[in-house]
Amino acid sequence: MAIEDWMPVLASTLGAITGVEQVYTYDDLPGVLTVFPCIVIMPTAGAANYSAGGPGVSMHQLQATLYVSAQILPEAYALAVPFVGRVLRKLAAHLQLGGLVSHLLPDPGGPFYQGPGAIEYGADADGQPRRHLGIIFRLEVKEIETIAVSA
């Protein structure tokens, strides 16, 4: 499978978390966030390996950013923190995204989440970044696919 095959399933999986109103991926990013809580999923890094005698293996690092509110509000912290457990439990229940990937895990190379805290997305009319309250989740997806290799 390729990222464009399993990304919609990941978006649907995270969209099924209680309290999440909208999920966006790299192919449908809004200019401004207007619905909260929402999640934006973006690939951030990756590695790949292939050979003439075996399958291709790709590792993708992703960032799933949960935006809880349009402003930095004290009461939004209480809304944000329970999402740490909700996201973890949803990912654990969909470890292989319905068989599309080898695994979907919290990123083993660093912290699973960062925040809650101030996160920027988009800009105001005057060009100033819009600051929201949210949590950044870091994920790893491993996929094995057949890649045509010519010698």
N, C-alpha and C. Protein backbone atom coordinates (compact mmCIF):
# COMPACT_ATOMS: atom_id res chain seq x y z
N MET A 1 0.83 -1.18 0.00
CA MET A 1 0.00 0.00 0.00
C MET A 1 0.87 1.24 0.00
N ALA A 2 0.33 2.31 -0.44
CA ALA A 2 1.02 3.59 -0.43
C ALA A 2 0.30 4.53 0.53
N ILE A 3 0.96 5.62 0.90
CA ILE A 3 0.40 6.54 1.87
C ILE A 3 -1.00 7.03 1.47
N GLU A 4 -1.22 7.22 0.17
CA GLU A 4 -2.54 7.70 -0.26
C GLU A 4 -3.62 6.63 -0.12
N ASP A 5 -3.22 5.37 0.08
CA ASP A 5 -4.20 4.30 0.29
C ASP A 5 -4.64 4.19 1.75
N TRP A 6 -3.70 4.34 2.68
CA TRP A 6 -4.06 4.17 4.08
C TRP A 6 -4.35 5.47 4.82
N MET A 7 -3.93 6.61 4.30
CA MET A 7 -4.19 7.88 4.99
C MET A 7 -5.68 8.14 5.21
N PRO A 8 -6.56 7.88 4.22
CA PRO A 8 -7.99 8.09 4.49
C PRO A 8 -8.53 7.20 5.62
N VAL A 9 -7.97 6.00 5.76
CA VAL A 9 -8.41 5.10 6.83
C VAL A 9 -7.93 5.63 8.18
N LEU A 10 -6.71 6.14 8.22
CA LEU A 10 -6.22 6.76 9.46
C LEU A 10 -7.08 7.97 9.82
N ALA A 11 -7.40 8.80 8.84
CA ALA A 11 -8.24 9.97 9.10
C ALA A 11 -9.61 9.55 9.63
N SER A 12 -10.19 8.53 9.04
CA SER A 12 -11.49 8.03 9.50
C SER A 12 -11.39 7.47 10.92
N THR A 13 -10.31 6.77 11.20
CA THR A 13 -10.10 6.19 12.53
C THR A 13 -10.00 7.30 13.58
N LEU A 14 -9.19 8.32 13.32
CA LEU A 14 -9.06 9.41 14.29
C LEU A 14 -10.34 10.24 14.36
N GLY A 15 -11.06 10.32 13.26
CA GLY A 15 -12.32 11.05 13.25
C GLY A 15 -13.41 10.39 14.09
N ALA A 16 -13.23 9.10 14.38
CA ALA A 16 -14.21 8.38 15.20
C ALA A 16 -13.98 8.54 16.70
N ILE A 17 -12.95 9.28 17.08
CA ILE A 17 -12.69 9.53 18.50
C ILE A 17 -13.76 10.47 19.05
N THR A 18 -14.29 10.12 20.18
CA THR A 18 -15.31 10.94 20.82
C THR A 18 -14.82 12.36 21.01
N GLY A 19 -15.57 13.31 20.49
CA GLY A 19 -15.25 14.72 20.63
C GLY A 19 -14.58 15.35 19.42
N VAL A 20 -14.01 14.54 18.53
CA VAL A 20 -13.36 15.10 17.34
C VAL A 20 -14.44 15.44 16.32
N GLU A 21 -14.44 16.67 15.86
CA GLU A 21 -15.47 17.15 14.93
C GLU A 21 -15.06 17.04 13.46
N GLN A 22 -13.75 17.13 13.17
CA GLN A 22 -13.28 17.13 11.78
C GLN A 22 -11.84 16.64 11.75
N VAL A 23 -11.47 15.94 10.66
CA VAL A 23 -10.08 15.53 10.43
C VAL A 23 -9.69 15.97 9.04
N TYR A 24 -8.50 16.57 8.95
CA TYR A 24 -7.95 17.02 7.67
C TYR A 24 -6.64 16.29 7.42
N THR A 25 -6.34 16.01 6.15
CA THR A 25 -5.06 15.42 5.78
C THR A 25 -4.38 16.31 4.75
N TYR A 26 -3.21 15.90 4.34
CA TYR A 26 -2.39 16.70 3.41
C TYR A 26 -3.13 17.08 2.12
N ASP A 27 -4.16 16.35 1.75
CA ASP A 27 -4.84 16.63 0.48
C ASP A 27 -6.13 17.45 0.62
N ASP A 28 -6.46 17.86 1.85
CA ASP A 28 -7.67 18.68 2.02
C ASP A 28 -7.51 19.71 3.14
N LEU A 29 -6.37 20.36 3.19
CA LEU A 29 -6.09 21.31 4.26
C LEU A 29 -6.89 22.60 4.09
N PRO A 30 -7.53 23.05 5.16
CA PRO A 30 -8.25 24.33 5.07
C PRO A 30 -7.28 25.49 5.24
N GLY A 31 -7.65 26.65 4.73
CA GLY A 31 -6.85 27.85 4.94
C GLY A 31 -6.93 28.34 6.37
N VAL A 32 -8.08 28.13 6.99
CA VAL A 32 -8.33 28.56 8.37
C VAL A 32 -9.12 27.46 9.06
N LEU A 33 -8.77 27.21 10.30
CA LEU A 33 -9.53 26.22 11.08
C LEU A 33 -10.76 26.90 11.67
N THR A 34 -11.92 26.30 11.42
CA THR A 34 -13.17 26.89 11.92
C THR A 34 -13.98 25.92 12.78
N VAL A 35 -13.57 24.65 12.80
CA VAL A 35 -14.29 23.62 13.55
C VAL A 35 -13.34 23.05 14.60
N PHE A 36 -13.81 22.97 15.85
CA PHE A 36 -12.98 22.48 16.94
C PHE A 36 -13.78 21.51 17.80
N PRO A 37 -13.14 20.51 18.35
CA PRO A 37 -11.79 20.03 18.11
C PRO A 37 -11.64 19.40 16.72
N CYS A 38 -10.49 19.61 16.12
CA CYS A 38 -10.19 19.01 14.83
C CYS A 38 -8.76 18.49 14.85
N ILE A 39 -8.47 17.60 13.90
CA ILE A 39 -7.14 17.01 13.78
C ILE A 39 -6.63 17.26 12.37
N VAL A 40 -5.36 17.62 12.27
CA VAL A 40 -4.68 17.77 10.99
C VAL A 40 -3.55 16.74 10.97
N ILE A 41 -3.56 15.85 9.97
CA ILE A 41 -2.55 14.79 9.86
C ILE A 41 -1.62 15.11 8.69
N MET A 42 -0.32 15.15 8.99
CA MET A 42 0.68 15.43 7.96
C MET A 42 1.86 14.48 8.10
N PRO A 43 2.38 13.97 6.98
CA PRO A 43 3.64 13.24 7.06
C PRO A 43 4.77 14.24 7.34
N THR A 44 5.74 13.84 8.17
CA THR A 44 6.83 14.75 8.52
C THR A 44 8.20 14.21 8.11
N ALA A 45 8.34 12.90 7.97
CA ALA A 45 9.62 12.30 7.59
C ALA A 45 9.36 10.84 7.22
N GLY A 46 10.35 10.23 6.61
CA GLY A 46 10.18 8.83 6.26
C GLY A 46 11.47 8.20 5.79
N ALA A 47 11.43 6.88 5.72
CA ALA A 47 12.55 6.11 5.22
C ALA A 47 11.98 4.98 4.38
N ALA A 48 12.75 4.54 3.40
CA ALA A 48 12.30 3.44 2.54
C ALA A 48 13.47 2.54 2.20
N ASN A 49 13.14 1.27 1.94
CA ASN A 49 14.14 0.30 1.56
C ASN A 49 13.50 -0.67 0.59
N TYR A 50 14.20 -1.04 -0.46
CA TYR A 50 13.71 -2.02 -1.41
C TYR A 50 14.90 -2.77 -1.98
N SER A 51 14.62 -3.95 -2.53
CA SER A 51 15.66 -4.76 -3.16
C SER A 51 15.04 -5.58 -4.27
N ALA A 52 15.89 -6.14 -5.13
CA ALA A 52 15.40 -6.95 -6.24
C ALA A 52 14.80 -8.26 -5.74
N GLY A 53 15.19 -8.70 -4.55
CA GLY A 53 14.73 -9.99 -4.07
C GLY A 53 13.69 -9.97 -2.98
N GLY A 54 13.23 -8.80 -2.59
CA GLY A 54 12.28 -8.78 -1.48
C GLY A 54 11.32 -7.62 -1.57
N PRO A 55 10.44 -7.55 -0.61
CA PRO A 55 9.44 -6.47 -0.62
C PRO A 55 10.06 -5.14 -0.22
N GLY A 56 9.36 -4.07 -0.53
CA GLY A 56 9.77 -2.75 -0.10
C GLY A 56 9.20 -2.47 1.28
N VAL A 57 9.99 -1.80 2.09
CA VAL A 57 9.55 -1.43 3.43
C VAL A 57 9.65 0.08 3.54
N SER A 58 8.57 0.70 3.94
CA SER A 58 8.55 2.16 4.15
C SER A 58 8.15 2.45 5.58
N MET A 59 8.85 3.39 6.16
CA MET A 59 8.52 3.87 7.51
C MET A 59 8.16 5.34 7.38
N HIS A 60 7.01 5.70 7.90
CA HIS A 60 6.53 7.08 7.82
C HIS A 60 6.38 7.64 9.23
N GLN A 61 6.92 8.82 9.45
CA GLN A 61 6.65 9.55 10.68
C GLN A 61 5.55 10.56 10.33
N LEU A 62 4.54 10.61 11.19
CA LEU A 62 3.40 11.50 10.98
C LEU A 62 3.22 12.38 12.20
N GLN A 63 2.60 13.52 11.95
CA GLN A 63 2.18 14.40 13.02
C GLN A 63 0.68 14.56 12.91
N ALA A 64 -0.03 14.16 13.94
CA ALA A 64 -1.48 14.37 14.01
C ALA A 64 -1.69 15.45 15.07
N THR A 65 -2.04 16.64 14.63
CA THR A 65 -2.18 17.76 15.54
C THR A 65 -3.65 17.98 15.86
N LEU A 66 -3.95 17.89 17.14
CA LEU A 66 -5.31 18.13 17.62
C LEU A 66 -5.42 19.59 18.02
N TYR A 67 -6.31 20.30 17.36
CA TYR A 67 -6.59 21.70 17.70
C TYR A 67 -7.89 21.71 18.48
N VAL A 68 -7.82 22.15 19.74
CA VAL A 68 -8.96 22.09 20.64
C VAL A 68 -9.80 23.36 20.60
N SER A 69 -9.13 24.50 20.48
CA SER A 69 -9.86 25.76 20.49
C SER A 69 -9.16 26.79 19.60
N ALA A 70 -9.92 27.80 19.19
CA ALA A 70 -9.40 28.84 18.31
C ALA A 70 -8.53 29.84 19.06
N GLN A 71 -8.52 29.76 20.36
CA GLN A 71 -7.73 30.68 21.19
C GLN A 71 -7.05 29.90 22.30
N ILE A 72 -6.12 30.54 22.97
CA ILE A 72 -5.48 29.93 24.13
C ILE A 72 -6.34 30.27 25.34
N LEU A 73 -7.21 29.36 25.71
CA LEU A 73 -8.13 29.58 26.81
C LEU A 73 -7.83 28.59 27.94
N PRO A 74 -7.82 29.04 29.19
CA PRO A 74 -7.54 28.14 30.30
C PRO A 74 -8.47 26.92 30.34
N GLU A 75 -9.74 27.13 30.06
CA GLU A 75 -10.69 26.01 30.12
C GLU A 75 -10.45 24.98 29.02
N ALA A 76 -9.74 25.35 27.97
CA ALA A 76 -9.47 24.42 26.87
C ALA A 76 -8.47 23.33 27.27
N TYR A 77 -7.63 23.61 28.28
CA TYR A 77 -6.69 22.60 28.75
C TYR A 77 -7.44 21.38 29.30
N ALA A 78 -8.48 21.63 30.04
CA ALA A 78 -9.28 20.53 30.60
C ALA A 78 -9.96 19.73 29.50
N LEU A 79 -10.31 20.37 28.41
CA LEU A 79 -10.90 19.68 27.27
C LEU A 79 -9.84 18.87 26.53
N ALA A 80 -8.61 19.38 26.46
CA ALA A 80 -7.55 18.75 25.68
C ALA A 80 -6.98 17.49 26.32
N VAL A 81 -6.70 17.52 27.60
CA VAL A 81 -5.96 16.43 28.25
C VAL A 81 -6.61 15.05 28.07
N PRO A 82 -7.92 14.88 28.18
CA PRO A 82 -8.50 13.54 27.98
C PRO A 82 -8.25 12.96 26.58
N PHE A 83 -7.93 13.80 25.59
CA PHE A 83 -7.67 13.29 24.26
C PHE A 83 -6.39 12.45 24.21
N VAL A 84 -5.48 12.63 25.15
CA VAL A 84 -4.26 11.81 25.16
C VAL A 84 -4.64 10.34 25.25
N GLY A 85 -5.47 9.99 26.19
CA GLY A 85 -5.91 8.61 26.35
C GLY A 85 -6.81 8.15 25.22
N ARG A 86 -7.71 9.01 24.77
CA ARG A 86 -8.61 8.64 23.68
C ARG A 86 -7.85 8.31 22.40
N VAL A 87 -6.86 9.13 22.08
CA VAL A 87 -6.07 8.89 20.87
C VAL A 87 -5.27 7.59 21.02
N LEU A 88 -4.63 7.40 22.15
CA LEU A 88 -3.84 6.18 22.38
C LEU A 88 -4.70 4.93 22.26
N ARG A 89 -5.86 4.93 22.88
CA ARG A 89 -6.74 3.74 22.82
C ARG A 89 -7.25 3.49 21.40
N LYS A 90 -7.56 4.54 20.66
CA LYS A 90 -8.05 4.37 19.29
C LYS A 90 -6.95 3.81 18.39
N LEU A 91 -5.72 4.31 18.54
CA LEU A 91 -4.60 3.79 17.75
C LEU A 91 -4.33 2.33 18.08
N ALA A 92 -4.35 1.98 19.35
CA ALA A 92 -4.10 0.59 19.77
C ALA A 92 -5.15 -0.35 19.21
N ALA A 93 -6.38 0.12 19.07
CA ALA A 93 -7.47 -0.71 18.56
C ALA A 93 -7.41 -0.87 17.05
N HIS A 94 -6.58 -0.07 16.38
CA HIS A 94 -6.48 -0.12 14.92
C HIS A 94 -5.01 -0.20 14.50
N LEU A 95 -4.29 -1.10 15.12
CA LEU A 95 -2.84 -1.25 14.97
C LEU A 95 -2.40 -1.40 13.52
N GLN A 96 -3.22 -2.05 12.69
CA GLN A 96 -2.83 -2.29 11.29
C GLN A 96 -3.77 -1.59 10.30
N LEU A 97 -4.57 -0.68 10.77
CA LEU A 97 -5.51 0.06 9.91
C LEU A 97 -6.25 -0.88 8.96
N GLY A 98 -6.85 -1.91 9.54
CA GLY A 98 -7.63 -2.85 8.75
C GLY A 98 -6.79 -3.70 7.81
N GLY A 99 -5.53 -3.93 8.14
CA GLY A 99 -4.66 -4.75 7.31
C GLY A 99 -3.91 -3.99 6.23
N LEU A 100 -4.05 -2.67 6.20
CA LEU A 100 -3.39 -1.86 5.17
C LEU A 100 -1.92 -1.59 5.47
N VAL A 101 -1.52 -1.65 6.74
CA VAL A 101 -0.13 -1.37 7.12
C VAL A 101 0.34 -2.46 8.09
N SER A 102 1.66 -2.55 8.24
CA SER A 102 2.23 -3.50 9.19
C SER A 102 2.00 -3.05 10.62
N HIS A 103 2.17 -1.75 10.86
CA HIS A 103 1.82 -1.22 12.17
C HIS A 103 1.63 0.29 12.14
N LEU A 104 0.85 0.74 13.09
CA LEU A 104 0.62 2.16 13.38
C LEU A 104 0.88 2.28 14.88
N LEU A 105 1.95 3.00 15.23
CA LEU A 105 2.37 3.07 16.63
C LEU A 105 2.69 4.51 17.03
N PRO A 106 2.67 4.78 18.34
CA PRO A 106 3.28 6.04 18.79
C PRO A 106 4.73 6.03 18.32
N ASP A 107 5.26 7.16 17.92
CA ASP A 107 6.62 7.24 17.39
C ASP A 107 7.61 6.71 18.43
N PRO A 108 8.32 5.61 18.11
CA PRO A 108 9.25 5.04 19.09
C PRO A 108 10.51 5.89 19.29
N GLY A 109 10.74 6.88 18.42
CA GLY A 109 11.94 7.69 18.52
C GLY A 109 11.79 8.94 19.37
N GLY A 110 10.65 9.15 19.96
CA GLY A 110 10.47 10.37 20.75
C GLY A 110 9.19 10.32 21.53
N PRO A 111 8.78 11.47 22.04
CA PRO A 111 7.54 11.49 22.82
C PRO A 111 6.33 11.23 21.94
N PHE A 112 5.34 10.55 22.50
CA PHE A 112 4.09 10.26 21.79
C PHE A 112 3.31 11.55 21.57
N TYR A 113 3.32 12.44 22.57
CA TYR A 113 2.58 13.68 22.41
C TYR A 113 3.35 14.84 23.02
N GLN A 114 2.99 16.03 22.58
CA GLN A 114 3.56 17.27 23.08
C GLN A 114 2.40 18.23 23.33
N GLY A 115 2.32 18.75 24.52
CA GLY A 115 1.24 19.66 24.85
C GLY A 115 0.38 19.09 25.96
N PRO A 116 -0.76 19.71 26.21
CA PRO A 116 -1.37 20.78 25.43
C PRO A 116 -0.64 22.11 25.59
N GLY A 117 -0.77 22.89 24.53
CA GLY A 117 -0.14 24.20 24.53
C GLY A 117 -0.49 24.96 23.27
N ALA A 118 0.19 26.07 23.07
CA ALA A 118 -0.07 26.93 21.92
C ALA A 118 0.49 26.30 20.65
N ILE A 119 -0.32 26.25 19.60
CA ILE A 119 0.07 25.72 18.30
C ILE A 119 -0.44 26.67 17.23
N GLU A 120 0.39 26.96 16.25
CA GLU A 120 0.00 27.88 15.19
C GLU A 120 -0.53 27.12 13.98
N TYR A 121 -1.52 27.73 13.32
CA TYR A 121 -2.04 27.22 12.04
C TYR A 121 -2.60 28.40 11.27
N GLY A 122 -2.16 28.54 10.04
CA GLY A 122 -2.68 29.61 9.18
C GLY A 122 -2.26 30.98 9.68
N ALA A 123 -2.87 32.00 9.08
CA ALA A 123 -2.54 33.38 9.45
C ALA A 123 -3.78 34.25 9.39
N ASP A 124 -3.76 35.33 10.18
CA ASP A 124 -4.81 36.34 10.13
C ASP A 124 -4.67 37.16 8.86
N ALA A 125 -5.62 38.06 8.63
CA ALA A 125 -5.59 38.92 7.44
C ALA A 125 -4.33 39.78 7.40
N ASP A 126 -3.78 40.11 8.56
CA ASP A 126 -2.57 40.93 8.60
C ASP A 126 -1.29 40.09 8.53
N GLY A 127 -1.44 38.78 8.30
CA GLY A 127 -0.28 37.91 8.14
C GLY A 127 0.26 37.33 9.43
N GLN A 128 -0.33 37.66 10.56
CA GLN A 128 0.12 37.12 11.84
C GLN A 128 -0.39 35.69 12.02
N PRO A 129 0.45 34.79 12.52
CA PRO A 129 0.02 33.40 12.71
C PRO A 129 -1.16 33.31 13.68
N ARG A 130 -2.09 32.42 13.38
CA ARG A 130 -3.21 32.17 14.29
C ARG A 130 -2.75 31.16 15.33
N ARG A 131 -2.98 31.47 16.58
CA ARG A 131 -2.58 30.59 17.68
C ARG A 131 -3.80 29.89 18.25
N HIS A 132 -3.67 28.58 18.36
CA HIS A 132 -4.74 27.73 18.90
C HIS A 132 -4.19 26.96 20.08
N LEU A 133 -5.06 26.34 20.84
CA LEU A 133 -4.62 25.43 21.89
C LEU A 133 -4.77 24.01 21.36
N GLY A 134 -3.74 23.20 21.54
CA GLY A 134 -3.82 21.85 21.03
C GLY A 134 -2.74 20.94 21.53
N ILE A 135 -2.71 19.74 20.96
CA ILE A 135 -1.74 18.70 21.30
C ILE A 135 -1.19 18.13 20.00
N ILE A 136 0.12 17.93 19.95
CA ILE A 136 0.76 17.30 18.80
C ILE A 136 1.03 15.84 19.14
N PHE A 137 0.51 14.93 18.32
CA PHE A 137 0.76 13.50 18.48
C PHE A 137 1.74 13.07 17.39
N ARG A 138 2.74 12.28 17.75
CA ARG A 138 3.71 11.80 16.78
C ARG A 138 3.53 10.30 16.60
N LEU A 139 3.39 9.90 15.35
CA LEU A 139 3.07 8.51 15.02
C LEU A 139 4.06 7.94 14.03
N GLU A 140 4.13 6.60 14.01
CA GLU A 140 4.94 5.89 13.02
C GLU A 140 4.06 4.87 12.31
N VAL A 141 4.15 4.84 11.00
CA VAL A 141 3.45 3.85 10.19
C VAL A 141 4.49 3.06 9.41
N LYS A 142 4.42 1.75 9.52
CA LYS A 142 5.29 0.87 8.74
C LYS A 142 4.43 0.16 7.71
N GLU A 143 4.86 0.23 6.47
CA GLU A 143 4.14 -0.49 5.43
C GLU A 143 5.12 -1.34 4.62
N ILE A 144 4.62 -2.47 4.17
CA ILE A 144 5.39 -3.35 3.31
C ILE A 144 4.62 -3.45 2.00
N GLU A 145 5.31 -3.17 0.91
CA GLU A 145 4.64 -3.21 -0.39
C GLU A 145 5.58 -3.79 -1.44
N THR A 146 4.98 -4.28 -2.49
CA THR A 146 5.75 -4.77 -3.62
C THR A 146 6.12 -3.59 -4.49
N ILE A 147 7.41 -3.41 -4.69
CA ILE A 147 7.90 -2.32 -5.51
C ILE A 147 8.68 -2.93 -6.68
N ALA A 148 8.34 -2.53 -7.88
CA ALA A 148 9.04 -3.04 -9.05
C ALA A 148 10.45 -2.49 -9.10
N VAL A 149 11.43 -3.39 -9.06
CA VAL A 149 12.82 -3.01 -9.09
C VAL A 149 13.45 -3.67 -10.32
N SER A 150 14.13 -2.90 -11.13
CA SER A 150 14.81 -3.49 -12.28
C SER A 150 16.31 -3.50 -12.02
N ALA A 151 16.93 -4.59 -12.41
CA ALA A 151 18.37 -4.75 -12.14
C ALA A 151 19.21 -4.11 -13.23
